[in-house]
Amino acid sequence: MEEKLRVIRLLTNRDVLNCLRKISKTESRFTDLADVCPSERLRSLRLAELEKAGLIKKNPLLEGNKVKVFYQLTKEGKGILQGIERLLQ
């Protein structure tokens, strides 16, 4: 029960739902989320919180010598976002 309350509190934080919606449309890199969460510090914090809550996961991709990290929704993240969108209809 406490874990569920922690996730609900997280979802009420600024920019969290916008990040989830953007990531749900396509795998997104940190910089891709600047339009929905302009502050780099806040974006970094939100992504870490979402990952800790199990709603998103990092998907590293090796391109040449560089590793690019993409974020994608987990099954739990998709379910929560779908539930919220149903509530908002």
C-alpha atoms as a PDB file:
ATOM      1  CA  MET A   1       0.000   0.000   0.000  1.00  0.00           C
ATOM      2  CA  GLU A   2       2.800   2.415   0.868  1.00  0.00           C
ATOM      3  CA  GLU A   3       4.452   1.807  -2.510  1.00  0.00           C
ATOM      4  CA  LYS A   4       1.210   2.672  -4.303  1.00  0.00           C
ATOM      5  CA  LEU A   5       0.895   5.903  -2.327  1.00  0.00           C
ATOM      6  CA  ARG A   6       4.480   6.794  -3.238  1.00  0.00           C
ATOM      7  CA  VAL A   7       3.678   6.324  -6.941  1.00  0.00           C
ATOM      8  CA  ILE A   8       0.514   8.430  -6.627  1.00  0.00           C
ATOM      9  CA  ARG A   9       2.499  11.218  -4.952  1.00  0.00           C
ATOM     10  CA  LEU A  10       5.085  11.000  -7.722  1.00  0.00           C
ATOM     11  CA  LEU A  11       2.407  11.328 -10.397  1.00  0.00           C
ATOM     12  CA  THR A  12       1.213  14.591  -8.852  1.00  0.00           C
ATOM     13  CA  ASN A  13       4.650  16.188  -9.188  1.00  0.00           C
ATOM     14  CA  ARG A  14       5.295  18.849 -11.781  1.00  0.00           C
ATOM     15  CA  ASP A  15       6.125  17.565 -15.287  1.00  0.00           C
ATOM     16  CA  VAL A  16       5.816  13.847 -14.419  1.00  0.00           C
ATOM     17  CA  LEU A  17       2.701  13.149 -16.502  1.00  0.00           C
ATOM     18  CA  ASN A  18       4.056  15.180 -19.410  1.00  0.00           C
ATOM     19  CA  CYS A  19       7.255  13.109 -19.366  1.00  0.00           C
ATOM     20  CA  LEU A  20       5.279   9.856 -19.232  1.00  0.00           C
ATOM     21  CA  ARG A  21       3.066  10.913 -22.141  1.00  0.00           C
ATOM     22  CA  LYS A  22       6.050  11.915 -24.274  1.00  0.00           C
ATOM     23  CA  ILE A  23       7.919   8.679 -23.507  1.00  0.00           C
ATOM     24  CA  SER A  24       4.757   6.676 -24.272  1.00  0.00           C
ATOM     25  CA  LYS A  25       4.698   8.001 -27.842  1.00  0.00           C
ATOM     26  CA  THR A  26       8.299   7.071 -28.629  1.00  0.00           C
ATOM     27  CA  GLU A  27      11.485   6.124 -26.834  1.00  0.00           C
ATOM     28  CA  SER A  28      12.959   9.423 -25.729  1.00  0.00           C
ATOM     29  CA  ARG A  29      16.411  10.642 -24.830  1.00  0.00           C
ATOM     30  CA  PHE A  30      17.063  13.080 -21.993  1.00  0.00           C
ATOM     31  CA  THR A  31      17.282  15.990 -24.415  1.00  0.00           C
ATOM     32  CA  ASP A  32      14.048  14.953 -26.183  1.00  0.00           C
ATOM     33  CA  LEU A  33      12.148  15.691 -22.978  1.00  0.00           C
ATOM     34  CA  ALA A  34      13.306  19.322 -22.728  1.00  0.00           C
ATOM     35  CA  ASP A  35      10.061  20.602 -24.248  1.00  0.00           C
ATOM     36  CA  VAL A  36       7.937  18.976 -21.517  1.00  0.00           C
ATOM     37  CA  CYS A  37      10.402  19.517 -18.648  1.00  0.00           C
ATOM     38  CA  PRO A  38      12.730  22.448 -19.441  1.00  0.00           C
ATOM     39  CA  SER A  39      14.831  22.359 -16.258  1.00  0.00           C
ATOM     40  CA  GLU A  40      17.666  19.835 -16.656  1.00  0.00           C
ATOM     41  CA  ARG A  41      17.951  19.387 -12.901  1.00  0.00           C
ATOM     42  CA  LEU A  42      14.225  18.722 -12.484  1.00  0.00           C
ATOM     43  CA  ARG A  43      14.148  16.466 -15.574  1.00  0.00           C
ATOM     44  CA  SER A  44      17.022  14.395 -14.194  1.00  0.00           C
ATOM     45  CA  LEU A  45      15.260  14.116 -10.833  1.00  0.00           C
ATOM     46  CA  ARG A  46      11.914  13.139 -12.386  1.00  0.00           C
ATOM     47  CA  LEU A  47      13.452  10.493 -14.639  1.00  0.00           C
ATOM     48  CA  ALA A  48      15.305   8.977 -11.687  1.00  0.00           C
ATOM     49  CA  GLU A  49      12.089   8.936  -9.638  1.00  0.00           C
ATOM     50  CA  LEU A  50      10.107   7.353 -12.478  1.00  0.00           C
ATOM     51  CA  GLU A  51      12.776   4.712 -12.973  1.00  0.00           C
ATOM     52  CA  LYS A  52      12.939   3.939  -9.241  1.00  0.00           C
ATOM     53  CA  ALA A  53       9.137   3.577  -9.199  1.00  0.00           C
ATOM     54  CA  GLY A  54       9.368   1.078 -12.067  1.00  0.00           C
ATOM     55  CA  LEU A  55       7.352   3.213 -14.507  1.00  0.00           C
ATOM     56  CA  ILE A  56      10.171   3.752 -17.017  1.00  0.00           C
ATOM     57  CA  LYS A  57      13.400   1.994 -17.849  1.00  0.00           C
ATOM     58  CA  LYS A  58      16.627   3.002 -19.507  1.00  0.00           C
ATOM     59  CA  ASN A  59      17.419   1.424 -22.843  1.00  0.00           C
ATOM     60  CA  PRO A  60      21.111   1.962 -23.679  1.00  0.00           C
ATOM     61  CA  LEU A  61      22.025   1.827 -27.343  1.00  0.00           C
ATOM     62  CA  LEU A  62      25.602   1.686 -28.603  1.00  0.00           C
ATOM     63  CA  GLU A  63      26.190   3.963 -31.594  1.00  0.00           C
ATOM     64  CA  GLY A  64      29.818   3.846 -32.667  1.00  0.00           C
ATOM     65  CA  ASN A  65      31.887   4.721 -29.606  1.00  0.00           C
ATOM     66  CA  LYS A  66      28.997   6.355 -27.764  1.00  0.00           C
ATOM     67  CA  VAL A  67      26.236   4.914 -25.658  1.00  0.00           C
ATOM     68  CA  LYS A  68      22.938   6.723 -26.086  1.00  0.00           C
ATOM     69  CA  VAL A  69      20.325   6.195 -23.401  1.00  0.00           C
ATOM     70  CA  PHE A  70      16.670   6.100 -24.363  1.00  0.00           C
ATOM     71  CA  TYR A  71      13.794   5.954 -21.901  1.00  0.00           C
ATOM     72  CA  GLN A  72      10.747   3.780 -22.441  1.00  0.00           C
ATOM     73  CA  LEU A  73       7.672   2.943 -20.409  1.00  0.00           C
ATOM     74  CA  THR A  74       7.528  -0.330 -18.550  1.00  0.00           C
ATOM     75  CA  LYS A  75       4.404  -2.462 -18.535  1.00  0.00           C
ATOM     76  CA  GLU A  76       3.475  -0.855 -15.202  1.00  0.00           C
ATOM     77  CA  GLY A  77       4.066   2.620 -16.613  1.00  0.00           C
ATOM     78  CA  LYS A  78       1.829   1.923 -19.601  1.00  0.00           C
ATOM     79  CA  GLY A  79      -0.924   0.618 -17.343  1.00  0.00           C
ATOM     80  CA  ILE A  80      -0.816   3.613 -15.027  1.00  0.00           C
ATOM     81  CA  LEU A  81      -0.770   6.098 -17.893  1.00  0.00           C
ATOM     82  CA  GLN A  82      -3.733   4.351 -19.569  1.00  0.00           C
ATOM     83  CA  GLY A  83      -5.647   4.438 -16.287  1.00  0.00           C
ATOM     84  CA  ILE A  84      -4.993   8.142 -15.810  1.00  0.00           C
ATOM     85  CA  GLU A  85      -6.020   8.917 -19.370  1.00  0.00           C
ATOM     86  CA  ARG A  86      -9.300   7.001 -18.841  1.00  0.00           C
ATOM     87  CA  LEU A  87      -9.965   9.043 -15.710  1.00  0.00           C
ATOM     88  CA  LEU A  88      -9.370  12.284 -17.614  1.00  0.00           C
ATOM     89  CA  GLN A  89     -11.850  11.449 -20.379  1.00  0.00           C
END
